[in-house]
Each structure stands twice: as structure tokens, then as C-alpha cells.
Amino acid sequence: MNKNTKVKTVRLVTEIGSDADWNTKETRQLVAGILELKTTDEAKRFLRDLLTPAEITEFSKRLEAARLLSRDVQYEAISESTGLSSTTIARIAKWLYGSLGGYRLILSRLHRSNSSPQRKGLRLSS
């Protein structure tokens, strides 16, 4: 980890708050590992090894809920299409519209990547 990365990590920990410890050896390693993924296949293989099938499904549903929320779809419709509870959808909405912008960043990049003729980075494919 170089000095610039260390500064960004400390700033991120300060901004995110104490709900997760982003400065442990393990969490830094996880984030660094994710940043090393280069292809869709690599991402799928890593996620399959890291998460249970149920966790992959749950996280996929949460990202879909964030996408639907960003399009002003009502909670009830999101719940029906994803199976997520209204409490989970409310939490996703809080994070989606919160100050950190993790969901907004990913949704923006996915939208840009899916609408751009020259796609870079990880692409969603079947």
C-alpha cells in the first residue's frame, strides 16, 4: 500500500464512520483484492469463492433495488420484484441517497459502461 492509498483509506474510514473497521489488515486486503479483479470471469470466480450462493443472490437483489430506487420505482414494486423487505429497501434508499455515494457511483458506472460503445473494466455478461 503506497502513501496515497493509506491517506485515502484513512479519509474513507473517517467518512464512513464506525459501523465497519476499514483499517484492519483483513479489510484492506479485501478491498485491495477487489481492485485487482480485471475481468467478469475473475469477478465471478472471486465472488463465488468469497460468498455463499445466498449471499450473492442477496447482494444482487440489493443492487437491483438501488437501481430501481434511482428510477423512482415505489418500494412495494421493488419488494415484489426482488423479494426484499421494505426495511431493507429503506436502508438501501438511505445509502443510495447518503453522502458516501457507493451505490450511485456503481450505478453511474454500470449505466455508462452499458451505454458506451467502448466498454472498459468489468462488463456484465451472461
C-alpha atoms as a PDB file:
ATOM      1  CA  MET A   1       0.000   0.000   0.000  1.00  0.00           C
ATOM      2  CA  ASN A   2       1.537   3.320  -1.010  1.00  0.00           C
ATOM      3  CA  LYS A   3       1.239   6.588   0.971  1.00  0.00           C
ATOM      4  CA  ASN A   4      -1.536   7.920  -1.280  1.00  0.00           C
ATOM      5  CA  THR A   5      -3.629   4.780  -0.754  1.00  0.00           C
ATOM      6  CA  LYS A   6      -3.049   4.964   3.002  1.00  0.00           C
ATOM      7  CA  VAL A   7      -4.274   8.578   3.103  1.00  0.00           C
ATOM      8  CA  LYS A   8      -7.358   7.677   1.048  1.00  0.00           C
ATOM      9  CA  THR A   9      -8.088   4.716   3.348  1.00  0.00           C
ATOM     10  CA  VAL A  10      -7.857   6.866   6.475  1.00  0.00           C
ATOM     11  CA  ARG A  11     -10.079   9.521   4.863  1.00  0.00           C
ATOM     12  CA  LEU A  12     -12.593   6.831   3.841  1.00  0.00           C
ATOM     13  CA  VAL A  13     -12.666   5.361   7.364  1.00  0.00           C
ATOM     14  CA  THR A  14     -13.273   8.830   8.761  1.00  0.00           C
ATOM     15  CA  GLU A  15     -16.082   9.495   6.266  1.00  0.00           C
ATOM     16  CA  ILE A  16     -17.747   6.078   6.569  1.00  0.00           C
ATOM     17  CA  GLY A  17     -17.835   6.049  10.343  1.00  0.00           C
ATOM     18  CA  SER A  18     -17.504   3.321  12.895  1.00  0.00           C
ATOM     19  CA  ASP A  19     -20.041   0.819  11.541  1.00  0.00           C
ATOM     20  CA  ALA A  20     -17.176  -1.070   9.885  1.00  0.00           C
ATOM     21  CA  ASP A  21     -13.462  -1.076  10.600  1.00  0.00           C
ATOM     22  CA  TRP A  22     -11.957  -0.357   7.190  1.00  0.00           C
ATOM     23  CA  ASN A  23      -8.432  -0.148   8.519  1.00  0.00           C
ATOM     24  CA  THR A  24      -7.815  -3.726   9.619  1.00  0.00           C
ATOM     25  CA  LYS A  25      -5.336  -5.859   7.727  1.00  0.00           C
ATOM     26  CA  GLU A  26      -8.206  -8.090   6.563  1.00  0.00           C
ATOM     27  CA  THR A  27     -10.467  -5.319   5.251  1.00  0.00           C
ATOM     28  CA  ARG A  28      -7.581  -3.568   3.498  1.00  0.00           C
ATOM     29  CA  GLN A  29      -6.677  -6.918   1.899  1.00  0.00           C
ATOM     30  CA  LEU A  30     -10.295  -7.452   0.782  1.00  0.00           C
ATOM     31  CA  VAL A  31     -10.508  -4.004  -0.826  1.00  0.00           C
ATOM     32  CA  ALA A  32      -7.091  -4.445  -2.468  1.00  0.00           C
ATOM     33  CA  GLY A  33      -8.148  -7.849  -3.782  1.00  0.00           C
ATOM     34  CA  ILE A  34     -11.332  -6.445  -5.309  1.00  0.00           C
ATOM     35  CA  LEU A  35      -9.316  -3.721  -7.008  1.00  0.00           C
ATOM     36  CA  GLU A  36      -7.111  -6.379  -8.627  1.00  0.00           C
ATOM     37  CA  LEU A  37     -10.015  -8.017 -10.499  1.00  0.00           C
ATOM     38  CA  LYS A  38      -9.723  -7.386 -14.220  1.00  0.00           C
ATOM     39  CA  THR A  39     -12.433  -9.401 -15.974  1.00  0.00           C
ATOM     40  CA  THR A  40     -16.006 -10.536 -15.477  1.00  0.00           C
ATOM     41  CA  ASP A  41     -14.788 -14.110 -15.158  1.00  0.00           C
ATOM     42  CA  GLU A  42     -12.302 -13.145 -12.432  1.00  0.00           C
ATOM     43  CA  ALA A  43     -15.022 -11.269 -10.544  1.00  0.00           C
ATOM     44  CA  LYS A  44     -17.437 -14.212 -10.794  1.00  0.00           C
ATOM     45  CA  ARG A  45     -14.791 -16.668  -9.613  1.00  0.00           C
ATOM     46  CA  PHE A  46     -13.768 -14.467  -6.686  1.00  0.00           C
ATOM     47  CA  LEU A  47     -17.340 -13.792  -5.598  1.00  0.00           C
ATOM     48  CA  ARG A  48     -18.212 -17.497  -5.875  1.00  0.00           C
ATOM     49  CA  ASP A  49     -15.282 -18.377  -3.603  1.00  0.00           C
ATOM     50  CA  LEU A  50     -15.895 -15.491  -1.171  1.00  0.00           C
ATOM     51  CA  LEU A  51     -19.679 -15.633  -0.788  1.00  0.00           C
ATOM     52  CA  THR A  52     -22.354 -18.268  -0.440  1.00  0.00           C
ATOM     53  CA  PRO A  53     -24.888 -18.571  -3.272  1.00  0.00           C
ATOM     54  CA  ALA A  54     -27.479 -16.991  -0.948  1.00  0.00           C
ATOM     55  CA  GLU A  55     -25.177 -14.001  -0.265  1.00  0.00           C
ATOM     56  CA  ILE A  56     -24.541 -13.499  -3.979  1.00  0.00           C
ATOM     57  CA  THR A  57     -28.293 -13.525  -4.599  1.00  0.00           C
ATOM     58  CA  GLU A  58     -28.932 -11.126  -1.705  1.00  0.00           C
ATOM     59  CA  PHE A  59     -26.279  -8.646  -2.831  1.00  0.00           C
ATOM     60  CA  SER A  60     -27.526  -8.841  -6.410  1.00  0.00           C
ATOM     61  CA  LYS A  61     -31.044  -8.056  -5.225  1.00  0.00           C
ATOM     62  CA  ARG A  62     -29.772  -5.079  -3.213  1.00  0.00           C
ATOM     63  CA  LEU A  63     -28.003  -3.633  -6.237  1.00  0.00           C
ATOM     64  CA  GLU A  64     -31.150  -4.132  -8.319  1.00  0.00           C
ATOM     65  CA  ALA A  65     -33.188  -2.406  -5.603  1.00  0.00           C
ATOM     66  CA  ALA A  66     -30.773   0.539  -5.710  1.00  0.00           C
ATOM     67  CA  ARG A  67     -31.133   0.701  -9.496  1.00  0.00           C
ATOM     68  CA  LEU A  68     -34.926   0.683  -9.215  1.00  0.00           C
ATOM     69  CA  LEU A  69     -34.894   3.293  -6.435  1.00  0.00           C
ATOM     70  CA  SER A  70     -32.735   5.532  -8.612  1.00  0.00           C
ATOM     71  CA  ARG A  71     -35.540   5.326 -11.212  1.00  0.00           C
ATOM     72  CA  ASP A  72     -38.162   6.316  -8.609  1.00  0.00           C
ATOM     73  CA  VAL A  73     -39.813   2.899  -8.502  1.00  0.00           C
ATOM     74  CA  GLN A  74     -42.041   2.504  -5.441  1.00  0.00           C
ATOM     75  CA  TYR A  75     -40.932   0.326  -2.507  1.00  0.00           C
ATOM     76  CA  GLU A  76     -43.850  -2.089  -2.954  1.00  0.00           C
ATOM     77  CA  ALA A  77     -42.948  -2.782  -6.586  1.00  0.00           C
ATOM     78  CA  ILE A  78     -39.276  -3.238  -5.652  1.00  0.00           C
ATOM     79  CA  SER A  79     -40.253  -5.632  -2.876  1.00  0.00           C
ATOM     80  CA  GLU A  80     -42.431  -7.635  -5.252  1.00  0.00           C
ATOM     81  CA  SER A  81     -39.743  -7.886  -7.925  1.00  0.00           C
ATOM     82  CA  THR A  82     -36.769  -8.586  -5.622  1.00  0.00           C
ATOM     83  CA  GLY A  83     -38.329 -10.230  -2.588  1.00  0.00           C
ATOM     84  CA  LEU A  84     -36.542  -7.758  -0.308  1.00  0.00           C
ATOM     85  CA  SER A  85     -38.327  -6.411   2.747  1.00  0.00           C
ATOM     86  CA  SER A  86     -39.408  -2.773   2.904  1.00  0.00           C
ATOM     87  CA  THR A  87     -36.910  -2.329   5.776  1.00  0.00           C
ATOM     88  CA  THR A  88     -34.029  -3.496   3.583  1.00  0.00           C
ATOM     89  CA  ILE A  89     -35.231  -1.297   0.717  1.00  0.00           C
ATOM     90  CA  ALA A  90     -35.420   1.690   3.087  1.00  0.00           C
ATOM     91  CA  ARG A  91     -31.833   1.021   4.214  1.00  0.00           C
ATOM     92  CA  ILE A  92     -30.706   0.814   0.582  1.00  0.00           C
ATOM     93  CA  ALA A  93     -32.501   4.101  -0.142  1.00  0.00           C
ATOM     94  CA  LYS A  94     -30.723   5.710   2.822  1.00  0.00           C
ATOM     95  CA  TRP A  95     -27.348   4.598   1.470  1.00  0.00           C
ATOM     96  CA  LEU A  96     -28.269   5.400  -2.135  1.00  0.00           C
ATOM     97  CA  TYR A  97     -29.089   8.995  -1.277  1.00  0.00           C
ATOM     98  CA  GLY A  98     -26.489   9.309   1.505  1.00  0.00           C
ATOM     99  CA  SER A  99     -23.264  11.266   1.420  1.00  0.00           C
ATOM    100  CA  LEU A 100     -20.856   8.415   0.575  1.00  0.00           C
ATOM    101  CA  GLY A 101     -22.398   7.599  -2.788  1.00  0.00           C
ATOM    102  CA  GLY A 102     -21.217   3.996  -3.218  1.00  0.00           C
ATOM    103  CA  TYR A 103     -24.411   2.834  -4.894  1.00  0.00           C
ATOM    104  CA  ARG A 104     -24.613   5.997  -7.034  1.00  0.00           C
ATOM    105  CA  LEU A 105     -21.017   5.508  -8.183  1.00  0.00           C
ATOM    106  CA  ILE A 106     -21.582   1.896  -9.237  1.00  0.00           C
ATOM    107  CA  LEU A 107     -24.935   2.616 -10.891  1.00  0.00           C
ATOM    108  CA  SER A 108     -23.417   5.507 -12.814  1.00  0.00           C
ATOM    109  CA  ARG A 109     -20.501   3.389 -13.992  1.00  0.00           C
ATOM    110  CA  LEU A 110     -22.749   0.471 -14.932  1.00  0.00           C
ATOM    111  CA  HIS A 111     -25.012   2.816 -16.890  1.00  0.00           C
ATOM    112  CA  ARG A 112     -22.028   4.411 -18.646  1.00  0.00           C
ATOM    113  CA  SER A 113     -20.435   1.029 -19.354  1.00  0.00           C
ATOM    114  CA  ASN A 114     -23.656  -0.466 -20.730  1.00  0.00           C
ATOM    115  CA  SER A 115     -24.370   2.518 -22.984  1.00  0.00           C
ATOM    116  CA  SER A 116     -20.829   3.135 -24.229  1.00  0.00           C
ATOM    117  CA  PRO A 117     -19.630   1.565 -27.493  1.00  0.00           C
ATOM    118  CA  GLN A 118     -16.124   1.199 -25.996  1.00  0.00           C
ATOM    119  CA  ARG A 119     -16.625  -0.567 -22.694  1.00  0.00           C
ATOM    120  CA  LYS A 120     -13.764  -0.609 -20.217  1.00  0.00           C
ATOM    121  CA  GLY A 121     -13.312  -2.512 -16.985  1.00  0.00           C
ATOM    122  CA  LEU A 122     -15.632  -5.249 -15.830  1.00  0.00           C
ATOM    123  CA  ARG A 123     -18.642  -5.883 -18.045  1.00  0.00           C
ATOM    124  CA  LEU A 124     -21.777  -7.712 -17.185  1.00  0.00           C
ATOM    125  CA  SER A 125     -22.228 -10.699 -19.421  1.00  0.00           C
ATOM    126  CA  SER A 126     -24.086 -13.959 -19.251  1.00  0.00           C
END
